Protein backbone atom coordinates (compact mmCIF):
# COMPACT_ATOMS: atom_id res chain seq x y z
CA UNK A 1 90.27 -82.83 -51.97
CA UNK A 2 91.90 -81.08 -49.02
CA UNK A 3 90.92 -78.99 -46.03
CA UNK A 4 93.05 -76.17 -47.41
CA UNK A 5 90.95 -75.98 -50.59
CA UNK A 6 87.78 -75.90 -48.52
CA UNK A 7 89.12 -73.13 -46.29
CA UNK A 8 90.17 -71.10 -49.33
CA UNK A 9 86.60 -71.42 -50.61
CA UNK A 10 85.23 -70.17 -47.29
CA UNK A 11 87.71 -67.31 -47.16
CA UNK A 12 87.55 -65.98 -50.70
CA UNK A 13 84.06 -66.93 -51.87
CA UNK A 14 82.04 -67.03 -48.66
CA UNK A 15 84.08 -64.23 -47.05
CA UNK A 16 84.24 -65.93 -43.65
CA UNK A 17 86.22 -64.23 -40.91
CA UNK A 18 89.66 -65.48 -39.77
CA UNK A 19 88.10 -66.49 -36.44
CA UNK A 20 85.51 -68.68 -38.21
CA UNK A 21 88.14 -70.21 -40.49
CA UNK A 22 90.22 -71.17 -37.46
CA UNK A 23 87.21 -72.89 -35.91
CA UNK A 24 86.48 -74.85 -39.11
CA UNK A 25 90.11 -75.94 -39.41
CA UNK A 26 90.22 -77.11 -35.79
CA UNK A 27 86.94 -79.03 -36.11
CA UNK A 28 88.07 -80.88 -39.22
CA UNK A 29 91.51 -81.67 -37.83
CA UNK A 30 89.86 -83.01 -34.70
CA UNK A 31 87.70 -85.33 -36.83
CA UNK A 32 90.74 -86.51 -38.81
CA UNK A 33 92.53 -87.44 -35.57
CA UNK A 34 89.52 -89.44 -34.38
CA UNK A 35 89.09 -91.24 -37.71
CA UNK A 36 92.74 -92.22 -37.89
CA UNK A 37 93.27 -93.19 -34.25
CA UNK A 38 89.89 -94.67 -33.35
CA UNK A 39 88.45 -95.93 -36.65
CA UNK A 40 91.55 -96.62 -38.72
CA UNK A 41 90.18 -94.45 -41.56
CA UNK A 42 92.49 -92.20 -43.56
CA UNK A 43 90.45 -91.61 -46.72
CA UNK A 44 87.46 -89.24 -46.85
CA UNK A 45 85.70 -91.60 -49.27
CA UNK A 46 85.62 -94.29 -46.57
CA UNK A 47 83.92 -92.08 -43.97
CA UNK A 48 80.40 -93.25 -43.12
CA UNK A 49 77.49 -91.95 -41.09
CA UNK A 50 78.42 -94.46 -38.39
CA UNK A 51 81.90 -92.93 -38.10
CA UNK A 52 80.43 -89.49 -37.56
CA UNK A 53 77.97 -90.80 -34.98
CA UNK A 54 80.83 -92.46 -33.14
CA UNK A 55 82.77 -89.18 -33.19
CA UNK A 56 79.81 -87.31 -31.70
CA UNK A 57 79.44 -89.98 -29.02
CA UNK A 58 83.13 -89.65 -28.17
CA UNK A 59 82.80 -85.88 -27.86
CA UNK A 60 79.79 -86.28 -25.56
CA UNK A 61 81.80 -88.75 -23.51
CA UNK A 62 84.53 -86.15 -23.10
CA UNK A 63 81.98 -83.78 -21.59
CA UNK A 64 81.55 -81.52 -24.61
CA UNK A 65 78.23 -79.68 -24.70
CA UNK A 66 75.58 -80.59 -27.30
CA UNK A 67 75.70 -77.01 -28.59
CA UNK A 68 79.44 -77.26 -29.31
CA UNK A 69 79.05 -80.67 -30.94
CA UNK A 70 76.31 -79.32 -33.22
CA UNK A 71 78.61 -76.47 -34.26
CA UNK A 72 81.43 -78.90 -35.02
CA UNK A 73 79.11 -81.10 -37.06
CA UNK A 74 78.01 -78.04 -39.01
CA UNK A 75 81.65 -77.55 -40.04
CA UNK A 76 81.95 -81.19 -41.05
CA UNK A 77 78.69 -81.19 -43.01
CA UNK A 78 79.74 -78.06 -44.88
CA UNK A 79 83.07 -79.69 -45.76
CA UNK A 80 81.43 -82.83 -47.14
CA UNK A 81 78.86 -80.79 -49.08
CA UNK A 82 81.71 -78.86 -50.67
CA UNK A 83 83.43 -82.13 -51.64
CA UNK A 84 80.22 -83.54 -53.17
CA UNK A 85 79.65 -80.38 -55.24
CA UNK A 86 83.20 -80.66 -56.60
CA UNK A 87 82.69 -84.31 -57.47
CA UNK A 88 85.32 -85.52 -54.99
CA UNK A 89 82.79 -87.58 -53.02
CA UNK A 90 79.68 -89.45 -54.17
CA UNK A 91 77.67 -88.55 -51.07
CA UNK A 92 77.69 -86.52 -47.88
CA UNK A 93 77.89 -88.91 -44.90
CA UNK A 94 76.82 -86.11 -42.58
CA UNK A 95 73.61 -85.28 -44.44
CA UNK A 96 70.48 -85.50 -42.28
CA UNK A 97 72.41 -87.02 -39.40
CA UNK A 98 70.68 -86.77 -36.03
CA UNK A 99 72.40 -84.21 -33.81
CA UNK A 100 72.43 -83.93 -30.00
CA UNK A 101 69.46 -81.98 -28.71
CA UNK A 102 70.01 -78.78 -26.80
CA UNK A 103 67.69 -76.96 -24.46
CA UNK A 104 66.81 -73.35 -25.06
CA UNK A 105 69.28 -71.03 -23.37
CA UNK A 106 69.00 -67.32 -22.94
CA UNK A 107 72.12 -65.46 -24.07
CA UNK A 108 74.52 -64.51 -21.29
CA UNK A 109 74.27 -60.83 -20.50
CA UNK A 110 74.79 -58.23 -17.78
CA UNK A 111 72.33 -55.75 -16.34
CA UNK A 112 72.19 -52.04 -17.11
CA UNK A 113 73.34 -51.14 -13.56
CA UNK A 114 76.31 -53.49 -13.96
CA UNK A 115 77.25 -51.79 -17.23
CA UNK A 116 76.98 -48.40 -15.52
CA UNK A 117 79.39 -49.61 -12.83
CA UNK A 118 81.76 -50.93 -15.48
CA UNK A 119 82.12 -47.54 -17.12
CA UNK A 120 82.26 -45.78 -13.75
CA UNK A 121 85.24 -47.91 -12.71
CA UNK A 122 87.31 -46.98 -15.76
CA UNK A 123 90.11 -44.46 -15.12
CA UNK A 124 89.40 -40.85 -16.00
CA UNK A 125 92.90 -40.32 -17.43
CA UNK A 126 92.95 -38.92 -20.96
CA UNK A 127 96.06 -40.72 -22.22
CA UNK A 128 95.98 -42.82 -25.37
CA UNK A 129 95.62 -46.25 -23.70
CA UNK A 130 92.84 -45.22 -21.32
CA UNK A 131 90.88 -43.53 -24.11
CA UNK A 132 91.29 -46.56 -26.37
CA UNK A 133 90.15 -49.04 -23.72
CA UNK A 134 87.07 -46.98 -22.92
CA UNK A 135 86.24 -46.53 -26.61
CA UNK A 136 86.50 -50.26 -27.33
CA UNK A 137 84.06 -51.01 -24.50
CA UNK A 138 81.76 -48.14 -25.45
CA UNK A 139 81.51 -49.37 -29.05
CA UNK A 140 80.96 -53.02 -28.09
CA UNK A 141 78.13 -52.13 -25.74
CA UNK A 142 76.90 -48.94 -27.39
CA UNK A 143 76.72 -50.33 -30.93
CA UNK A 144 76.45 -54.09 -30.37
CA UNK A 145 79.47 -55.07 -32.45
CA UNK A 146 80.95 -58.53 -32.70
CA UNK A 147 84.58 -58.81 -31.65
CA UNK A 148 85.71 -59.39 -35.25
CA UNK A 149 83.78 -56.31 -36.37
CA UNK A 150 85.51 -54.18 -33.76
CA UNK A 151 89.02 -55.31 -34.73
CA UNK A 152 88.23 -54.73 -38.42
CA UNK A 153 87.31 -51.04 -37.97
CA UNK A 154 89.35 -48.59 -40.06
CA UNK A 155 89.61 -44.81 -39.96
CA UNK A 156 87.67 -44.69 -43.21
CA UNK A 157 84.72 -46.36 -41.48
CA UNK A 158 84.09 -43.27 -39.34
CA UNK A 159 81.25 -41.22 -40.81
CA UNK A 160 81.72 -37.89 -39.05
CA UNK A 161 78.87 -36.17 -40.90
CA UNK A 162 76.31 -38.58 -39.46
CA UNK A 163 78.18 -39.69 -36.31
CA UNK A 164 78.12 -43.36 -37.16
CA UNK A 165 80.40 -46.26 -38.06
CA UNK A 166 80.41 -48.50 -41.10
CA UNK A 167 80.52 -52.09 -39.90
CA UNK A 168 81.76 -55.02 -41.96
CA UNK A 169 79.70 -57.94 -40.71
CA UNK A 170 79.50 -61.64 -41.50
CA UNK A 171 79.67 -62.57 -45.17
CA UNK A 172 81.08 -59.11 -46.03
CA UNK A 173 77.69 -57.54 -45.32
CA UNK A 174 77.91 -53.90 -44.34
CA UNK A 175 75.69 -51.87 -42.03
CA UNK A 176 75.82 -48.47 -40.38
CA UNK A 177 75.94 -48.21 -36.58
CA UNK A 178 74.78 -44.91 -35.07
CA UNK A 179 76.78 -43.67 -32.09
CA UNK A 180 75.36 -41.92 -29.06
CA UNK A 181 76.76 -38.50 -28.07
CA UNK A 182 78.71 -40.15 -25.26
CA UNK A 183 80.34 -42.71 -27.55
CA UNK A 184 81.00 -40.10 -30.24
CA UNK A 185 82.73 -37.78 -27.75
CA UNK A 186 84.90 -40.71 -26.63
CA UNK A 187 85.72 -41.51 -30.28
CA UNK A 188 86.79 -37.94 -31.04
CA UNK A 189 89.00 -37.73 -27.95
CA UNK A 190 90.65 -41.06 -28.78
CA UNK A 191 91.26 -40.19 -32.43
CA UNK A 192 92.98 -36.95 -31.40
CA UNK A 193 95.26 -38.88 -29.02
CA UNK A 194 95.88 -41.50 -31.71
CA UNK A 195 96.88 -38.90 -34.32
CA UNK A 196 99.46 -37.55 -31.88
CA UNK A 197 100.81 -40.96 -30.84
CA UNK A 198 100.60 -42.88 -34.15
CA UNK A 199 99.96 -40.53 -37.09
CA UNK A 200 98.83 -42.04 -40.37
CA UNK A 201 97.69 -45.44 -39.05
CA UNK A 202 94.62 -46.69 -40.91
CA UNK A 203 93.29 -49.16 -38.33
CA UNK A 204 90.98 -47.42 -35.88
CA UNK A 205 91.95 -49.19 -32.65
CA UNK A 206 95.65 -49.68 -31.95
CA UNK A 207 97.66 -51.40 -29.24
CA UNK A 208 100.21 -49.51 -27.15
CA UNK A 209 102.77 -50.45 -29.81
CA UNK A 210 100.71 -48.95 -32.62
CA UNK A 211 99.51 -52.23 -34.14
CA UNK A 212 95.85 -53.07 -34.84
CA UNK A 213 94.10 -54.64 -31.87
CA UNK A 214 93.33 -58.35 -32.24
CA UNK A 215 90.76 -60.85 -30.97
CA UNK A 216 92.60 -61.96 -27.82
CA UNK A 217 93.39 -58.36 -26.87
CA UNK A 218 89.68 -57.49 -27.01
CA UNK A 219 88.72 -60.63 -25.08
CA UNK A 220 91.17 -59.94 -22.26
CA UNK A 221 90.07 -56.30 -21.99
CA UNK A 222 86.40 -57.25 -21.65
CA UNK A 223 87.08 -60.13 -19.27
CA UNK A 224 89.15 -57.90 -17.01
CA UNK A 225 86.56 -55.13 -16.85
CA UNK A 226 83.50 -57.38 -16.51
CA UNK A 227 85.28 -59.21 -13.70
CA UNK A 228 84.96 -56.06 -11.61
CA UNK A 229 81.16 -55.77 -11.92
CA UNK A 230 79.69 -59.26 -12.29
CA UNK A 231 80.19 -62.77 -10.94
CA UNK A 232 78.73 -64.32 -14.11
CA UNK A 233 80.88 -67.13 -15.48
CA UNK A 234 80.91 -65.85 -19.06
CA UNK A 235 82.78 -62.58 -19.57
CA UNK A 236 83.41 -62.44 -23.31
CA UNK A 237 82.96 -59.53 -25.75
CA UNK A 238 79.78 -61.22 -27.01
CA UNK A 239 78.23 -60.65 -23.58
CA UNK A 240 78.34 -56.90 -24.29
CA UNK A 241 76.64 -57.48 -27.65
CA UNK A 242 73.94 -59.47 -25.86
CA UNK A 243 73.61 -56.68 -23.29
CA UNK A 244 73.20 -54.11 -26.08
CA UNK A 245 70.35 -56.08 -27.67
CA UNK A 246 68.71 -57.11 -24.40
CA UNK A 247 68.63 -53.58 -23.00
CA UNK A 248 67.18 -52.25 -26.26
CA UNK A 249 64.47 -54.91 -26.14
CA UNK A 250 63.70 -54.31 -22.47
CA UNK A 251 63.21 -50.62 -23.17
CA UNK A 252 60.72 -51.18 -25.98
CA UNK A 253 62.88 -51.07 -29.11
CA UNK A 254 61.23 -52.48 -32.24
CA UNK A 255 62.54 -55.98 -32.93
CA UNK A 256 63.20 -55.21 -36.59
CA UNK A 257 65.31 -52.23 -35.56
CA UNK A 258 67.31 -54.41 -33.17
CA UNK A 259 67.79 -56.93 -36.00
CA UNK A 260 69.19 -54.23 -38.28
CA UNK A 261 71.49 -52.84 -35.61
CA UNK A 262 72.88 -56.29 -34.86
CA UNK A 263 73.34 -57.17 -38.52
CA UNK A 264 71.28 -60.35 -38.24
CA UNK A 265 70.23 -61.99 -41.49
CA UNK A 266 66.84 -63.06 -40.15
CA UNK A 267 64.44 -61.99 -37.45
CA UNK A 268 64.56 -65.46 -35.92
CA UNK A 269 68.10 -64.84 -34.69
CA UNK A 270 66.97 -61.63 -32.95
CA UNK A 271 63.88 -63.03 -31.27
CA UNK A 272 65.93 -64.64 -28.51
CA UNK A 273 66.26 -61.19 -26.92
CA UNK A 274 62.51 -60.92 -26.43
CA UNK A 275 62.77 -63.95 -24.13
CA UNK A 276 65.03 -62.01 -21.78
CA UNK A 277 62.39 -59.30 -21.58
CA UNK A 278 59.69 -61.89 -20.91
CA UNK A 279 61.77 -63.40 -18.11
CA UNK A 280 62.17 -59.94 -16.60
CA UNK A 281 58.39 -59.46 -16.70
CA UNK A 282 57.86 -62.83 -15.05
CA UNK A 283 60.25 -61.91 -12.23
CA UNK A 284 58.47 -58.61 -11.70
CA UNK A 285 55.11 -60.42 -11.65
CA UNK A 286 56.29 -63.00 -9.12
CA UNK A 287 57.68 -60.32 -6.86
CA UNK A 288 54.82 -57.84 -7.01
CA UNK A 289 51.50 -59.45 -7.84
CA UNK A 290 49.45 -60.77 -4.87
CA UNK A 291 48.08 -63.68 -6.92
CA UNK A 292 51.41 -64.82 -8.34
CA UNK A 293 52.00 -68.49 -7.63
CA UNK A 294 55.37 -70.06 -6.80
CA UNK A 295 56.21 -70.48 -10.47
CA UNK A 296 55.01 -67.05 -11.56
CA UNK A 297 51.56 -68.28 -12.60
CA UNK A 298 48.28 -67.09 -11.10
CA UNK A 299 47.66 -68.68 -7.71
């Protein structure tokens, strides 16, 4: 049994993204280092529940958040489950293990006025690079894409007849993302500039050298632009996806429609965005209602 075999299973049978595979590999290698250096264990068969608990305690001691530790343990549990199914291990030492508790956190987002300022600050130049940068941001916020979904876009995914994009989501699930007139106009202008600069390239978004954009490129673009409009600590591409969903919810969009647009597998994953709307209502109540108490409850 090896990590490589497990990762091949995730890649070719589960269709996990390269970003997810990298995270799984790092989590498992981190566990191996702990087991060898701190527990003197070098055989998966010898790993016990106590070893995994000790690893979690060590991660907590290093200041790692409970949310991150839970994600790492999810990788480990999946690995051991895979080994048990193959008959390489008699049991899963991570099964039903108690995980660190986490408090409910609203997803990091930015306000609609902040997003308006972000697009207003972009240069008006119509050269290839400026059009590409604007389009990447417009799609992330205007269609709620994940970073991996943006970098995977191909020319063939553009549905000109219906002004929408075909998105390849998690687990190779596909969905269609409608584009607003503003985003569509930006897409057309960019594609014209792209055909002139790099004819025949199949990837939709290209770097200045004509190569497909990649995860870090997208992250740095978003971080740079968000830095000009918000002081929030988190400035990742996922913040724009959260903003897309939050602003839809705040403006009365049906939750099932938001679920479909995001490509969520279940409604439970989408319901977090209703909490942002509730918090907004509470703030409005505290600020405007004469009987609002100090905590937003009737006085």
